[in-house]
Every structure is written in structure tokens, then in C-alpha cells.
Amino acid sequence: MYVEIRIKGSLKQDWSDWLEGLIISGQANGETVLNGQIADQSALLGLLNRIHGLNLQLLSFSQSDKAESPNVKQ
């Protein structure tokens, strides 16, 4: 499944491997967008637990069956 997660705060791209290989995009408003493919719901739960463990505030979450952006690794 393809996911897009918005969090409050900034993360560097260095965290990508630890966050299931998602693409990390910093936004001008201080938010960070994580997007990419997640293997399954178990991997998603692990990812959300990592975000929680970093004490980052989850702003939004969306998922679809297929990536809608050509920049996303599949």
C-alpha cells in the first residue's frame, strides 16, 4: 500500500531507512511529509510506533493501493 503521513516537526532524510524507506520531505511550514510504499499493516503499525517514539505529532494519514506520484519508489 502507498501511504502519505504528515507530521509536525522536521526530520532529515537520514531517517528514511529507519522509517521503512519512506521519502521524507520537509515543508516550509515546519511539517514533514513521509510517503512511499509500506509492505503491510504490520509494517505500518511499526512505522507509527516509531513516529510516536520520536515524540512527533501525527497530523494526517492517507493510504491508497497505488502510488499517485511518479517520484515514489515502488
C-alpha atoms as a PDB file:
ATOM      1  CA  MET A   1       0.000   0.000   0.000  1.00  0.00           C
ATOM      2  CA  TYR A   2       1.084   3.578  -0.664  1.00  0.00           C
ATOM      3  CA  VAL A   3       0.961   5.932   2.324  1.00  0.00           C
ATOM      4  CA  GLU A   4       1.339   9.630   2.966  1.00  0.00           C
ATOM      5  CA  ILE A   5       1.893  10.710   6.552  1.00  0.00           C
ATOM      6  CA  ARG A   6       2.156  14.318   7.699  1.00  0.00           C
ATOM      7  CA  ILE A   7       3.863  15.083  10.986  1.00  0.00           C
ATOM      8  CA  LYS A   8       4.568  18.250  12.914  1.00  0.00           C
ATOM      9  CA  GLY A   9       8.270  18.959  13.100  1.00  0.00           C
ATOM     10  CA  SER A  10      11.286  18.331  10.936  1.00  0.00           C
ATOM     11  CA  LEU A  11      13.129  15.132  10.065  1.00  0.00           C
ATOM     12  CA  LYS A  12      16.216  14.815   7.918  1.00  0.00           C
ATOM     13  CA  GLN A  13      16.327  12.386   5.000  1.00  0.00           C
ATOM     14  CA  ASP A  14      18.826  10.352   7.079  1.00  0.00           C
ATOM     15  CA  TRP A  15      15.837   8.835   8.935  1.00  0.00           C
ATOM     16  CA  SER A  16      14.433   7.255   5.770  1.00  0.00           C
ATOM     17  CA  ASP A  17      15.892   3.766   6.306  1.00  0.00           C
ATOM     18  CA  TRP A  18      14.629   3.660   9.887  1.00  0.00           C
ATOM     19  CA  LEU A  19      11.182   4.775   8.702  1.00  0.00           C
ATOM     20  CA  GLU A  20      10.549   1.892   6.266  1.00  0.00           C
ATOM     21  CA  GLY A  21      12.431   3.629   3.428  1.00  0.00           C
ATOM     22  CA  LEU A  22       9.794   6.339   3.017  1.00  0.00           C
ATOM     23  CA  ILE A  23      10.663   9.548   1.217  1.00  0.00           C
ATOM     24  CA  ILE A  24      10.987  12.408   3.716  1.00  0.00           C
ATOM     25  CA  SER A  25      10.041  15.883   2.511  1.00  0.00           C
ATOM     26  CA  GLY A  26      10.369  18.924   4.756  1.00  0.00           C
ATOM     27  CA  GLN A  27       7.769  21.621   4.255  1.00  0.00           C
ATOM     28  CA  ALA A  28       8.149  25.389   4.668  1.00  0.00           C
ATOM     29  CA  ASN A  29       5.519  25.406   7.422  1.00  0.00           C
ATOM     30  CA  GLY A  30       7.636  23.167   9.679  1.00  0.00           C
ATOM     31  CA  GLU A  31       5.799  19.964   8.832  1.00  0.00           C
ATOM     32  CA  THR A  32       7.303  16.834   7.322  1.00  0.00           C
ATOM     33  CA  VAL A  33       5.654  14.584   4.753  1.00  0.00           C
ATOM     34  CA  LEU A  34       6.564  10.894   4.622  1.00  0.00           C
ATOM     35  CA  ASN A  35       5.417   8.980   1.558  1.00  0.00           C
ATOM     36  CA  GLY A  36       6.051   5.715  -0.177  1.00  0.00           C
ATOM     37  CA  GLN A  37       5.246   2.018  -0.176  1.00  0.00           C
ATOM     38  CA  ILE A  38       4.587   0.063   3.016  1.00  0.00           C
ATOM     39  CA  ALA A  39       4.558  -3.733   2.858  1.00  0.00           C
ATOM     40  CA  ASP A  40       1.524  -4.344   5.057  1.00  0.00           C
ATOM     41  CA  GLN A  41      -0.405  -3.219   8.137  1.00  0.00           C
ATOM     42  CA  SER A  42       2.205  -4.708  10.448  1.00  0.00           C
ATOM     43  CA  ALA A  43       4.897  -2.509   8.887  1.00  0.00           C
ATOM     44  CA  LEU A  44       2.532   0.468   9.149  1.00  0.00           C
ATOM     45  CA  LEU A  45       1.989  -0.156  12.846  1.00  0.00           C
ATOM     46  CA  GLY A  46       5.750  -0.346  13.385  1.00  0.00           C
ATOM     47  CA  LEU A  47       6.194   2.920  11.495  1.00  0.00           C
ATOM     48  CA  LEU A  48       3.522   4.685  13.543  1.00  0.00           C
ATOM     49  CA  ASN A  49       5.133   3.386  16.742  1.00  0.00           C
ATOM     50  CA  ARG A  50       8.484   4.817  15.627  1.00  0.00           C
ATOM     51  CA  ILE A  51       6.887   8.199  14.935  1.00  0.00           C
ATOM     52  CA  HIS A  52       5.298   8.074  18.375  1.00  0.00           C
ATOM     53  CA  GLY A  53       8.627   7.064  19.943  1.00  0.00           C
ATOM     54  CA  LEU A  54      10.254  10.149  18.420  1.00  0.00           C
ATOM     55  CA  ASN A  55       7.558  12.232  20.139  1.00  0.00           C
ATOM     56  CA  LEU A  56       6.360  13.628  16.803  1.00  0.00           C
ATOM     57  CA  GLN A  57       2.768  14.744  16.380  1.00  0.00           C
ATOM     58  CA  LEU A  58       0.841  12.921  13.637  1.00  0.00           C
ATOM     59  CA  LEU A  59      -1.161  15.455  11.619  1.00  0.00           C
ATOM     60  CA  SER A  60      -2.672  13.273   8.906  1.00  0.00           C
ATOM     61  CA  PHE A  61      -2.521   9.868   7.305  1.00  0.00           C
ATOM     62  CA  SER A  62      -3.790   8.670   3.936  1.00  0.00           C
ATOM     63  CA  GLN A  63      -3.349   5.434   2.039  1.00  0.00           C
ATOM     64  CA  SER A  64      -4.118   4.045  -1.362  1.00  0.00           C
ATOM     65  CA  ASP A  65      -3.388   0.851  -3.236  1.00  0.00           C
ATOM     66  CA  LYS A  66      -1.050   2.529  -5.700  1.00  0.00           C
ATOM     67  CA  ALA A  67       1.333   5.487  -5.653  1.00  0.00           C
ATOM     68  CA  GLU A  68      -0.060   8.528  -7.369  1.00  0.00           C
ATOM     69  CA  SER A  69       3.273  10.310  -7.646  1.00  0.00           C
ATOM     70  CA  PRO A  70       5.891   9.397 -10.279  1.00  0.00           C
ATOM     71  CA  ASN A  71       8.651  10.206  -7.743  1.00  0.00           C
ATOM     72  CA  VAL A  72       7.734   7.349  -5.414  1.00  0.00           C
ATOM     73  CA  LYS A  73       9.796   4.154  -5.426  1.00  0.00           C
ATOM     74  CA  GLN A  74       7.719   1.021  -5.965  1.00  0.00           C
END
